[in-house]
Protein backbone atom coordinates (compact mmCIF):
# COMPACT_ATOMS: atom_id res chain seq x y z
CA MET A 1 24.15 -44.64 8.18
CA ASN A 2 25.10 -41.42 6.40
CA SER A 3 22.74 -38.51 5.93
CA ASP A 4 22.21 -36.78 2.59
CA VAL A 5 24.18 -33.79 3.88
CA GLN A 6 27.11 -36.02 4.81
CA ILE A 7 27.06 -37.67 1.38
CA ALA A 8 26.36 -34.68 -0.89
CA GLY A 9 27.31 -31.76 1.31
CA ASP A 10 25.13 -28.89 2.42
CA PRO A 11 23.31 -27.53 -0.67
CA LEU A 12 23.01 -24.11 1.01
CA ALA A 13 26.80 -23.90 1.08
CA ILE A 14 26.91 -24.11 -2.71
CA PRO A 15 25.55 -20.78 -3.99
CA HIS A 16 25.04 -21.93 -7.59
CA LEU A 17 22.45 -24.48 -6.40
CA MET A 18 20.29 -21.82 -4.73
CA PRO A 19 17.83 -19.73 -6.73
CA PRO A 20 18.88 -16.08 -6.86
CA ALA A 21 17.09 -13.77 -4.46
CA PRO A 22 14.78 -11.40 -6.35
CA ALA A 23 16.17 -7.88 -6.69
CA HIS A 24 12.76 -6.45 -5.82
CA PRO A 25 9.11 -7.48 -5.69
CA ARG A 26 7.66 -8.35 -9.10
CA THR A 27 4.11 -9.49 -8.45
CA VAL A 28 1.09 -8.00 -6.70
CA ALA A 29 1.45 -10.62 -3.97
CA GLU A 30 5.13 -9.72 -3.46
CA PHE A 31 4.31 -5.99 -3.20
CA ALA A 32 1.52 -6.76 -0.70
CA GLY A 33 4.03 -8.92 1.20
CA LEU A 34 6.56 -6.07 1.19
CA ALA A 35 3.91 -3.76 2.65
CA ARG A 36 3.06 -6.32 5.36
CA SER A 37 6.73 -6.80 6.27
CA VAL A 38 7.33 -3.04 6.55
CA ALA A 39 4.11 -2.70 8.58
CA ALA A 40 5.23 -5.46 10.94
CA ASP A 41 8.55 -3.68 11.55
CA ARG A 42 6.96 -0.92 13.64
CA ALA A 43 10.37 0.17 15.00
CA SER A 44 11.38 1.24 11.48
CA TRP A 45 8.53 3.70 11.00
CA ALA A 46 6.64 4.56 14.23
CA HIS A 47 9.20 7.12 15.42
CA LEU A 48 8.95 8.98 12.09
CA VAL A 49 5.19 9.63 12.20
CA GLN A 50 4.12 13.23 12.67
CA TYR A 51 0.63 14.70 12.73
CA ASP A 52 -0.15 18.02 11.05
CA ALA A 53 -3.58 19.59 11.49
CA THR A 54 -3.13 21.87 8.45
CA SER A 55 -2.12 19.30 5.82
CA ARG A 56 -1.57 15.59 5.45
CA TRP A 57 1.92 14.55 6.54
CA TYR A 58 3.89 12.10 4.39
CA HIS A 59 7.40 10.69 4.31
CA ARG A 60 9.10 8.55 1.67
CA LEU A 61 10.25 5.58 3.73
CA ARG A 62 12.01 3.48 1.13
CA VAL A 63 12.97 3.48 -2.55
CA GLY A 64 13.81 0.30 -4.41
CA PRO A 65 14.29 -0.62 -8.03
CA GLY A 66 10.91 0.09 -9.56
CA TYR A 67 9.00 1.02 -6.38
CA GLU A 68 8.59 3.51 -3.53
CA VAL A 69 7.20 3.11 -0.02
CA TRP A 70 5.45 6.09 1.59
CA LEU A 71 4.26 6.63 5.17
CA LEU A 72 1.27 8.96 5.66
CA SER A 73 -0.58 10.27 8.70
CA TRP A 74 -4.16 11.47 8.81
CA VAL A 75 -5.78 13.50 11.59
CA PRO A 76 -9.58 13.32 11.89
CA GLY A 77 -11.26 15.05 8.96
CA GLN A 78 -8.27 14.96 6.61
CA GLY A 79 -8.63 13.45 3.16
CA SER A 80 -6.72 12.98 -0.06
CA GLY A 81 -9.29 14.37 -2.46
CA ALA A 82 -10.41 12.22 -5.38
CA HIS A 83 -7.39 11.08 -7.38
CA ASP A 84 -5.66 8.27 -9.24
CA HIS A 85 -1.99 7.31 -9.34
CA GLY A 86 -1.24 7.74 -13.03
CA PRO A 87 0.77 4.79 -14.39
CA SER A 88 1.52 3.36 -10.94
CA SER A 89 -0.05 0.31 -9.30
CA GLY A 90 -0.25 0.40 -5.54
CA VAL A 91 -0.82 -1.26 -2.20
CA LEU A 92 -2.39 0.78 0.61
CA THR A 93 -2.04 -0.68 4.10
CA VAL A 94 -3.66 0.87 7.17
CA LEU A 95 -1.13 0.69 10.00
CA GLN A 96 -3.07 2.39 12.77
CA GLY A 97 -6.56 3.78 13.20
CA GLU A 98 -9.08 3.56 10.39
CA LEU A 99 -9.57 5.23 7.03
CA THR A 100 -12.51 5.34 4.64
CA GLU A 101 -12.05 4.70 0.92
CA ILE A 102 -14.61 6.30 -1.37
CA THR A 103 -14.95 5.03 -4.93
CA GLY A 104 -17.40 6.05 -7.60
CA SER A 105 -17.51 2.84 -9.59
CA THR A 106 -20.87 1.68 -8.21
CA GLY A 107 -22.95 4.75 -9.01
CA THR A 108 -23.83 5.20 -5.32
CA PRO A 109 -24.58 8.88 -4.65
CA GLY A 110 -21.43 10.33 -3.09
CA GLY A 111 -19.56 7.14 -3.99
CA ALA A 112 -19.29 3.73 -2.37
CA ARG A 113 -17.63 3.89 1.06
CA GLN A 114 -15.53 1.18 2.68
CA VAL A 115 -13.98 1.49 6.15
CA LEU A 116 -10.41 0.15 6.26
CA ARG A 117 -9.21 -0.75 9.75
CA ALA A 118 -5.63 -1.39 10.93
CA GLY A 119 -4.20 -4.32 8.96
CA ALA A 120 -6.49 -3.85 5.95
CA GLN A 121 -4.88 -3.66 2.53
CA ARG A 122 -6.13 -2.38 -0.84
CA VAL A 123 -4.35 -3.29 -4.05
CA PHE A 124 -5.05 -1.20 -7.13
CA ALA A 125 -4.08 -0.95 -10.78
CA PRO A 126 -2.96 2.13 -12.74
CA GLY A 127 -5.78 4.63 -13.26
CA TYR A 128 -7.86 3.40 -10.28
CA ALA A 129 -9.66 6.46 -8.85
CA HIS A 130 -10.52 6.82 -5.18
CA GLU A 131 -10.53 9.18 -2.24
CA ILE A 132 -9.17 8.35 1.21
CA VAL A 133 -10.51 10.18 4.27
CA ASN A 134 -10.17 9.88 8.02
CA ASP A 135 -13.82 9.91 9.12
CA SER A 136 -12.96 8.68 12.60
CA LEU A 137 -12.26 10.65 15.78
CA ALA A 138 -8.68 9.32 16.10
CA PRO A 139 -5.54 9.82 14.00
CA ALA A 140 -4.59 7.16 11.46
CA VAL A 141 -1.37 6.06 9.77
CA SER A 142 -1.08 4.32 6.41
CA LEU A 143 1.66 2.80 4.26
CA HIS A 144 1.61 3.09 0.46
CA VAL A 145 3.73 1.07 -1.97
CA TYR A 146 3.76 2.30 -5.59
CA SER A 147 5.21 0.55 -8.63
CA PRO A 148 6.62 2.16 -10.57
CA GLY A 149 7.41 4.95 -8.13
CA LEU A 150 4.74 7.65 -7.98
CA THR A 151 5.32 10.25 -10.70
CA GLU A 152 1.86 11.79 -10.78
CA MET A 153 -1.34 11.87 -8.79
CA PRO A 154 -3.98 13.46 -11.01
CA MET A 155 -6.82 14.96 -9.02
CA ARG A 156 -10.37 14.19 -10.10
CA PRO A 157 -13.44 16.45 -9.68
CA SER A 158 -15.07 13.72 -7.58
CA VAL A 159 -14.73 9.97 -7.42
CA SER A 160 -18.42 9.41 -8.14
CA ALA A 161 -18.10 11.53 -11.29
CA ALA A 162 -15.60 9.00 -12.66
CA GLY A 163 -18.66 6.99 -13.68
CA ALA A 164 -17.36 3.87 -15.37
CA ALA A 165 -15.95 0.91 -13.56
CA SER A 166 -12.35 1.43 -12.54
CA PRO A 167 -9.47 -0.93 -13.32
CA ALA A 168 -9.08 -3.97 -11.12
CA VAL A 169 -8.96 -3.53 -7.37
CA ARG A 170 -9.12 -6.19 -4.73
CA ASP A 171 -9.04 -6.54 -1.00
CA VAL A 172 -6.12 -8.38 0.52
CA LEU A 173 -6.60 -9.95 3.91
CA ALA A 174 -3.70 -9.26 6.23
CA ASN A 175 -3.60 -12.67 7.92
């Protein structure tokens, strides 16, 4: 008895029968997947991490068509200040340690606080305002994917002063 491969040939050997590989991520899920795959490849980023007690350290890890990937380190007490990402959407992934995200969309005095531990992801739309701080006693490392690439990061007086509900944001479970 003949198999389908013996009769028709191997479909993987005929390129026109295979769907083209995407040039770059196009959906929120694909960008979150890109962040998870970079995070899983610790050998590609761990040796680059530096810690600076005077300012946050960051390194552009990758540039693709329509996106950028940044690696950031945070020593205890460091924070981003309240900001948004202009026209860029993003995926923040905590690689090591823990970070606290502060948002002002709930009206909580000082903003709503959420602790993000290693493996946690946040996905956000353009204009989403937040502040990231390392409230822990250990250094932290995070990965940020922006699409389109980050062209501006407007600072805000305070996240809680933003008042109105921010554009869509959702948690993504990392497994």
